């Protein structure tokens, strides 16, 4: 129940993407003196990156399962 690898891998991908996006958005915002604008933009981009990472993890997990069955 709690040890489901599929749920854990998707949450890790989302967390990593959000952290990267938020840090990039904060860096751009501090350089341009407009953190209020760039933090949410960075967070949004990071969430999109997290979705891509989580789907990539799910695809590789399915490939691994297929290879084990053969």
PDB file of N, CA and C in Angstrom:
ATOM      1  N   UNK A   1       0.821  -1.182   0.000  1.00  0.00           N
ATOM      2  CA  UNK A   1       0.000   0.000   0.000  1.00  0.00           C
ATOM      3  C   UNK A   1       0.873   1.255   0.000  1.00  0.00           C
ATOM      4  N   UNK A   2       1.736   1.424   0.992  1.00  0.00           N
ATOM      5  CA  UNK A   2       2.546   2.630   1.062  1.00  0.00           C
ATOM      6  C   UNK A   2       3.840   2.507   0.282  1.00  0.00           C
ATOM      7  N   UNK A   3       4.252   1.310  -0.039  1.00  0.00           N
ATOM      8  CA  UNK A   3       5.510   1.107  -0.732  1.00  0.00           C
ATOM      9  C   UNK A   3       5.359   1.016  -2.240  1.00  0.00           C
ATOM     10  N   UNK A   4       4.302   1.590  -2.795  1.00  0.00           N
ATOM     11  CA  UNK A   4       4.065   1.518  -4.232  1.00  0.00           C
ATOM     12  C   UNK A   4       5.120   2.339  -4.959  1.00  0.00           C
ATOM     13  N   UNK A   5       5.923   1.687  -5.779  1.00  0.00           N
ATOM     14  CA  UNK A   5       7.040   2.343  -6.465  1.00  0.00           C
ATOM     15  C   UNK A   5       6.551   3.371  -7.477  1.00  0.00           C
ATOM     16  N   UNK A   6       5.407   3.116  -8.099  1.00  0.00           N
ATOM     17  CA  UNK A   6       4.893   4.037  -9.108  1.00  0.00           C
ATOM     18  C   UNK A   6       4.550   5.386  -8.494  1.00  0.00           C
ATOM     19  N   UNK A   7       3.901   5.397  -7.343  1.00  0.00           N
ATOM     20  CA  UNK A   7       3.549   6.661  -6.691  1.00  0.00           C
ATOM     21  C   UNK A   7       4.783   7.389  -6.187  1.00  0.00           C
ATOM     22  N   UNK A   8       5.747   6.651  -5.651  1.00  0.00           N
ATOM     23  CA  UNK A   8       6.954   7.289  -5.138  1.00  0.00           C
ATOM     24  C   UNK A   8       7.772   7.919  -6.249  1.00  0.00           C
ATOM     25  N   UNK A   9       7.927   7.238  -7.372  1.00  0.00           N
ATOM     26  CA  UNK A   9       8.739   7.786  -8.451  1.00  0.00           C
ATOM     27  C   UNK A   9       8.101   9.024  -9.057  1.00  0.00           C
ATOM     28  N   UNK A  10       6.784   9.064  -9.147  1.00  0.00           N
ATOM     29  CA  UNK A  10       6.137  10.247  -9.710  1.00  0.00           C
ATOM     30  C   UNK A  10       6.244  11.427  -8.758  1.00  0.00           C
ATOM     31  N   UNK A  11       6.163  11.179  -7.448  1.00  0.00           N
ATOM     32  CA  UNK A  11       6.273  12.291  -6.506  1.00  0.00           C
ATOM     33  C   UNK A  11       7.709  12.813  -6.450  1.00  0.00           C
ATOM     34  N   UNK A  12       8.708  11.928  -6.611  1.00  0.00           N
ATOM     35  CA  UNK A  12      10.084  12.393  -6.637  1.00  0.00           C
ATOM     36  C   UNK A  12      10.333  13.259  -7.867  1.00  0.00           C
ATOM     37  N   UNK A  13       9.817  12.873  -9.000  1.00  0.00           N
ATOM     38  CA  UNK A  13      10.002  13.663 -10.215  1.00  0.00           C
ATOM     39  C   UNK A  13       9.382  15.041 -10.091  1.00  0.00           C
ATOM     40  N   UNK A  14       8.201  15.104  -9.500  1.00  0.00           N
ATOM     41  CA  UNK A  14       7.531  16.386  -9.326  1.00  0.00           C
ATOM     42  C   UNK A  14       8.303  17.268  -8.344  1.00  0.00           C
ATOM     43  N   UNK A  15       8.777  16.688  -7.254  1.00  0.00           N
ATOM     44  CA  UNK A  15       9.521  17.471  -6.257  1.00  0.00           C
ATOM     45  C   UNK A  15      10.824  18.005  -6.830  1.00  0.00           C
ATOM     46  N   UNK A  16      11.535  17.183  -7.566  1.00  0.00           N
ATOM     47  CA  UNK A  16      12.797  17.626  -8.171  1.00  0.00           C
ATOM     48  C   UNK A  16      12.547  18.738  -9.177  1.00  0.00           C
ATOM     49  N   UNK A  17      11.530  18.571 -10.016  1.00  0.00           N
ATOM     50  CA  UNK A  17      11.212  19.599 -11.006  1.00  0.00           C
ATOM     51  C   UNK A  17      10.815  20.917 -10.368  1.00  0.00           C
ATOM     52  N   UNK A  18      10.019  20.841  -9.288  1.00  0.00           N
ATOM     53  CA  UNK A  18       9.599  22.066  -8.612  1.00  0.00           C
ATOM     54  C   UNK A  18      10.780  22.777  -7.968  1.00  0.00           C
ATOM     55  N   UNK A  19      11.686  22.025  -7.365  1.00  0.00           N
ATOM     56  CA  UNK A  19      12.867  22.641  -6.736  1.00  0.00           C
ATOM     57  C   UNK A  19      13.754  23.322  -7.770  1.00  0.00           C
ATOM     58  N   UNK A  20      13.985  22.644  -8.879  1.00  0.00           N
ATOM     59  CA  UNK A  20      14.824  23.232  -9.928  1.00  0.00           C
ATOM     60  C   UNK A  20      14.157  24.480 -10.510  1.00  0.00           C
ATOM     61  N   UNK A  21      12.875  24.385 -10.817  1.00  0.00           N
ATOM     62  CA  UNK A  21      12.169  25.530 -11.392  1.00  0.00           C
ATOM     63  C   UNK A  21      12.101  26.708 -10.439  1.00  0.00           C
ATOM     64  N   UNK A  22      11.854  26.424  -9.158  1.00  0.00           N
ATOM     65  CA  UNK A  22      11.772  27.507  -8.183  1.00  0.00           C
ATOM     66  C   UNK A  22      13.124  28.187  -7.993  1.00  0.00           C
ATOM     67  N   UNK A  23      14.192  27.415  -7.982  1.00  0.00           N
ATOM     68  CA  UNK A  23      15.512  28.026  -7.820  1.00  0.00           C
ATOM     69  C   UNK A  23      15.897  28.861  -9.035  1.00  0.00           C
ATOM     70  N   UNK A  24      15.574  28.377 -10.226  1.00  0.00           N
ATOM     71  CA  UNK A  24      15.866  29.163 -11.436  1.00  0.00           C
ATOM     72  C   UNK A  24      15.021  30.430 -11.461  1.00  0.00           C
ATOM     73  N   UNK A  25      13.742  30.307 -11.108  1.00  0.00           N
ATOM     74  CA  UNK A  25      12.864  31.481 -11.068  1.00  0.00           C
ATOM     75  C   UNK A  25      13.313  32.505 -10.041  1.00  0.00           C
ATOM     76  N   UNK A  26      13.775  32.039  -8.897  1.00  0.00           N
ATOM     77  CA  UNK A  26      14.270  32.954  -7.868  1.00  0.00           C
ATOM     78  C   UNK A  26      15.554  33.644  -8.321  1.00  0.00           C
ATOM     79  N   UNK A  27      16.415  32.907  -8.991  1.00  0.00           N
ATOM     80  CA  UNK A  27      17.669  33.510  -9.476  1.00  0.00           C
ATOM     81  C   UNK A  27      17.379  34.585 -10.518  1.00  0.00           C
ATOM     82  N   UNK A  28      16.500  34.280 -11.457  1.00  0.00           N
ATOM     83  CA  UNK A  28      16.154  35.278 -12.482  1.00  0.00           C
ATOM     84  C   UNK A  28      15.458  36.474 -11.838  1.00  0.00           C
ATOM     85  N   UNK A  29      14.577  36.194 -10.875  1.00  0.00           N
ATOM     86  CA  UNK A  29      13.865  37.281 -10.198  1.00  0.00           C
ATOM     87  C   UNK A  29      14.775  38.181  -9.399  1.00  0.00           C
ATOM     88  N   UNK A  30      15.786  37.613  -8.770  1.00  0.00           N
ATOM     89  CA  UNK A  30      16.696  38.461  -7.992  1.00  0.00           C
ATOM     90  C   UNK A  30      17.586  39.308  -8.901  1.00  0.00           C
ATOM     91  N   UNK A  31      17.954  38.772 -10.063  1.00  0.00           N
ATOM     92  CA  UNK A  31      18.763  39.544 -11.010  1.00  0.00           C
ATOM     93  C   UNK A  31      17.944  40.679 -11.610  1.00  0.00           C
ATOM     94  N   UNK A  32      16.678  40.393 -11.923  1.00  0.00           N
ATOM     95  CA  UNK A  32      15.840  41.402 -12.570  1.00  0.00           C
ATOM     96  C   UNK A  32      15.054  42.257 -11.569  1.00  0.00           C
ATOM     97  N   UNK A  33      15.281  42.046 -10.272  1.00  0.00           N
ATOM     98  CA  UNK A  33      14.564  42.774  -9.208  1.00  0.00           C
ATOM     99  C   UNK A  33      13.052  42.630  -9.319  1.00  0.00           C
ATOM    100  N   UNK A  34      12.604  41.436  -9.708  1.00  0.00           N
ATOM    101  CA  UNK A  34      11.176  41.176  -9.812  1.00  0.00           C
ATOM    102  C   UNK A  34      10.892  39.729  -9.397  1.00  0.00           C
ATOM    103  N   UNK A  35      11.171  39.423  -8.132  1.00  0.00           N
ATOM    104  CA  UNK A  35      11.003  38.058  -7.633  1.00  0.00           C
ATOM    105  C   UNK A  35       9.530  37.656  -7.645  1.00  0.00           C
ATOM    106  N   UNK A  36       8.647  38.587  -7.374  1.00  0.00           N
ATOM    107  CA  UNK A  36       7.217  38.293  -7.346  1.00  0.00           C
ATOM    108  C   UNK A  36       6.674  37.773  -8.667  1.00  0.00           C
ATOM    109  N   UNK A  37       7.290  38.127  -9.758  1.00  0.00           N
ATOM    110  CA  UNK A  37       6.869  37.644 -11.065  1.00  0.00           C
ATOM    111  C   UNK A  37       7.545  36.322 -11.420  1.00  0.00           C
ATOM    112  N   UNK A  38       8.838  36.224 -11.166  1.00  0.00           N
ATOM    113  CA  UNK A  38       9.606  35.090 -11.651  1.00  0.00           C
ATOM    114  C   UNK A  38       9.505  33.838 -10.789  1.00  0.00           C
ATOM    115  N   UNK A  39       9.183  33.981  -9.492  1.00  0.00           N
ATOM    116  CA  UNK A  39       9.027  32.775  -8.673  1.00  0.00           C
ATOM    117  C   UNK A  39       7.860  31.908  -9.143  1.00  0.00           C
ATOM    118  N   UNK A  40       6.681  32.472  -9.386  1.00  0.00           N
ATOM    119  CA  UNK A  40       5.594  31.619  -9.881  1.00  0.00           C
ATOM    120  C   UNK A  40       5.847  31.085 -11.292  1.00  0.00           C
ATOM    121  N   UNK A  41       6.529  31.865 -12.120  1.00  0.00           N
ATOM    122  CA  UNK A  41       6.855  31.371 -13.466  1.00  0.00           C
ATOM    123  C   UNK A  41       7.817  30.198 -13.365  1.00  0.00           C
ATOM    124  N   UNK A  42       8.833  30.318 -12.531  1.00  0.00           N
ATOM    125  CA  UNK A  42       9.782  29.224 -12.336  1.00  0.00           C
ATOM    126  C   UNK A  42       9.117  27.999 -11.745  1.00  0.00           C
ATOM    127  N   UNK A  43       8.204  28.200 -10.805  1.00  0.00           N
ATOM    128  CA  UNK A  43       7.486  27.086 -10.204  1.00  0.00           C
ATOM    129  C   UNK A  43       6.616  26.375 -11.237  1.00  0.00           C
ATOM    130  N   UNK A  44       5.971  27.133 -12.098  1.00  0.00           N
ATOM    131  CA  UNK A  44       5.135  26.534 -13.149  1.00  0.00           C
ATOM    132  C   UNK A  44       5.975  25.728 -14.133  1.00  0.00           C
ATOM    133  N   UNK A  45       7.096  26.281 -14.536  1.00  0.00           N
ATOM    134  CA  UNK A  45       7.990  25.559 -15.443  1.00  0.00           C
ATOM    135  C   UNK A  45       8.533  24.311 -14.750  1.00  0.00           C
ATOM    136  N   UNK A  46       8.852  24.433 -13.473  1.00  0.00           N
ATOM    137  CA  UNK A  46       9.339  23.289 -12.714  1.00  0.00           C
ATOM    138  C   UNK A  46       8.301  22.190 -12.580  1.00  0.00           C
ATOM    139  N   UNK A  47       7.043  22.559 -12.437  1.00  0.00           N
ATOM    140  CA  UNK A  47       5.987  21.551 -12.361  1.00  0.00           C
ATOM    141  C   UNK A  47       5.854  20.813 -13.686  1.00  0.00           C
ATOM    142  N   UNK A  48       6.000  21.526 -14.778  1.00  0.00           N
ATOM    143  CA  UNK A  48       5.979  20.865 -16.091  1.00  0.00           C
ATOM    144  C   UNK A  48       7.165  19.928 -16.240  1.00  0.00           C
ATOM    145  N   UNK A  49       8.333  20.372 -15.777  1.00  0.00           N
ATOM    146  CA  UNK A  49       9.503  19.492 -15.817  1.00  0.00           C
ATOM    147  C   UNK A  49       9.287  18.267 -14.947  1.00  0.00           C
ATOM    148  N   UNK A  50       8.647  18.444 -13.801  1.00  0.00           N
ATOM    149  CA  UNK A  50       8.365  17.328 -12.912  1.00  0.00           C
ATOM    150  C   UNK A  50       7.428  16.312 -13.534  1.00  0.00           C
ATOM    151  N   UNK A  51       6.439  16.798 -14.273  1.00  0.00           N
ATOM    152  CA  UNK A  51       5.543  15.869 -14.971  1.00  0.00           C
ATOM    153  C   UNK A  51       6.292  15.061 -16.019  1.00  0.00           C
ATOM    154  N   UNK A  52       7.179  15.725 -16.735  1.00  0.00           N
ATOM    155  CA  UNK A  52       7.975  15.016 -17.747  1.00  0.00           C
ATOM    156  C   UNK A  52       8.866  13.973 -17.078  1.00  0.00           C
ATOM    157  N   UNK A  53       9.506  14.348 -15.977  1.00  0.00           N
ATOM    158  CA  UNK A  53      10.368  13.403 -15.269  1.00  0.00           C
ATOM    159  C   UNK A  53       9.581  12.214 -14.733  1.00  0.00           C
ATOM    160  N   UNK A  54       8.402  12.469 -14.192  1.00  0.00           N
ATOM    161  CA  UNK A  54       7.622  11.370 -13.634  1.00  0.00           C
ATOM    162  C   UNK A  54       7.118  10.439 -14.729  1.00  0.00           C
ATOM    163  N   UNK A  55       6.729  10.979 -15.873  1.00  0.00           N
ATOM    164  CA  UNK A  55       6.289  10.114 -16.969  1.00  0.00           C
ATOM    165  C   UNK A  55       7.452   9.336 -17.563  1.00  0.00           C
ATOM    166  N   UNK A  56       8.616   9.944 -17.600  1.00  0.00           N
ATOM    167  CA  UNK A  56       9.791   9.232 -18.100  1.00  0.00           C
ATOM    168  C   UNK A  56      10.124   8.065 -17.175  1.00  0.00           C
ATOM    169  N   UNK A  57       9.994   8.276 -15.860  1.00  0.00           N
ATOM    170  CA  UNK A  57      10.231   7.203 -14.897  1.00  0.00           C
ATOM    171  C   UNK A  57       9.226   6.071 -15.065  1.00  0.00           C
ATOM    172  N   UNK A  58       7.964   6.399 -15.277  1.00  0.00           N
ATOM    173  CA  UNK A  58       6.943   5.376 -15.451  1.00  0.00           C
ATOM    174  C   UNK A  58       7.203   4.554 -16.706  1.00  0.00           C
ATOM    175  N   UNK A  59       7.626   5.211 -17.789  1.00  0.00           N
ATOM    176  CA  UNK A  59       7.911   4.494 -19.028  1.00  0.00           C
ATOM    177  C   UNK A  59       9.090   3.550 -18.849  1.00  0.00           C
ATOM    178  N   UNK A  60      10.136   3.991 -18.154  1.00  0.00           N
ATOM    179  CA  UNK A  60      11.291   3.120 -17.956  1.00  0.00           C
ATOM    180  C   UNK A  60      10.948   1.968 -17.021  1.00  0.00           C
ATOM    181  N   UNK A  61      10.063   2.187 -16.049  1.00  0.00           N
ATOM    182  CA  UNK A  61       9.636   1.103 -15.167  1.00  0.00           C
ATOM    183  C   UNK A  61       8.860   0.051 -15.941  1.00  0.00           C
ATOM    184  N   UNK A  62       8.020   0.481 -16.875  1.00  0.00           N
ATOM    185  CA  UNK A  62       7.260  -0.467 -17.684  1.00  0.00           C
ATOM    186  C   UNK A  62       8.185  -1.263 -18.599  1.00  0.00           C
ATOM    187  N   UNK A  63       9.208  -0.617 -19.151  1.00  0.00           N
ATOM    188  CA  UNK A  63      10.173  -1.313 -19.996  1.00  0.00           C
ATOM    189  C   UNK A  63      10.936  -2.368 -19.197  1.00  0.00           C
ATOM    190  N   UNK A  64      11.291  -2.022 -17.946  1.00  0.00           N
ATOM    191  CA  UNK A  64      11.993  -2.966 -17.098  1.00  0.00           C
ATOM    192  C   UNK A  64      11.122  -4.189 -16.796  1.00  0.00           C
ATOM    193  N   UNK A  65       9.837  -3.956 -16.568  1.00  0.00           N
ATOM    194  CA  UNK A  65       8.918  -5.071 -16.300  1.00  0.00           C
ATOM    195  C   UNK A  65       8.803  -5.963 -17.526  1.00  0.00           C
ATOM    196  N   UNK A  66       8.748  -5.387 -18.721  1.00  0.00           N
ATOM    197  CA  UNK A  66       8.653  -6.163 -19.942  1.00  0.00           C
ATOM    198  C   UNK A  66       9.905  -7.002 -20.145  1.00  0.00           C
ATOM    199  N   UNK A  67      11.068  -6.447 -19.846  1.00  0.00           N
ATOM    200  CA  UNK A  67      12.319  -7.167 -20.026  1.00  0.00           C
ATOM    201  C   UNK A  67      12.458  -8.318 -19.029  1.00  0.00           C
ATOM    202  N   UNK A  68      11.903  -8.159 -17.835  1.00  0.00           N
ATOM    203  CA  UNK A  68      11.959  -9.221 -16.835  1.00  0.00           C
ATOM    204  C   UNK A  68      11.081 -10.411 -17.215  1.00  0.00           C
ATOM    205  N   UNK A  69       9.974 -10.132 -17.893  1.00  0.00           N
ATOM    206  CA  UNK A  69       9.041 -11.185 -18.265  1.00  0.00           C
ATOM    207  C   UNK A  69       9.613 -12.104 -19.348  1.00  0.00           C
ATOM    208  N   UNK A  70      10.521 -11.594 -20.159  1.00  0.00           N
ATOM    209  CA  UNK A  70      11.070 -12.383 -21.269  1.00  0.00           C
ATOM    210  C   UNK A  70      12.072 -13.368 -20.844  1.00  0.00           C
TER     211      UNK A  70
END
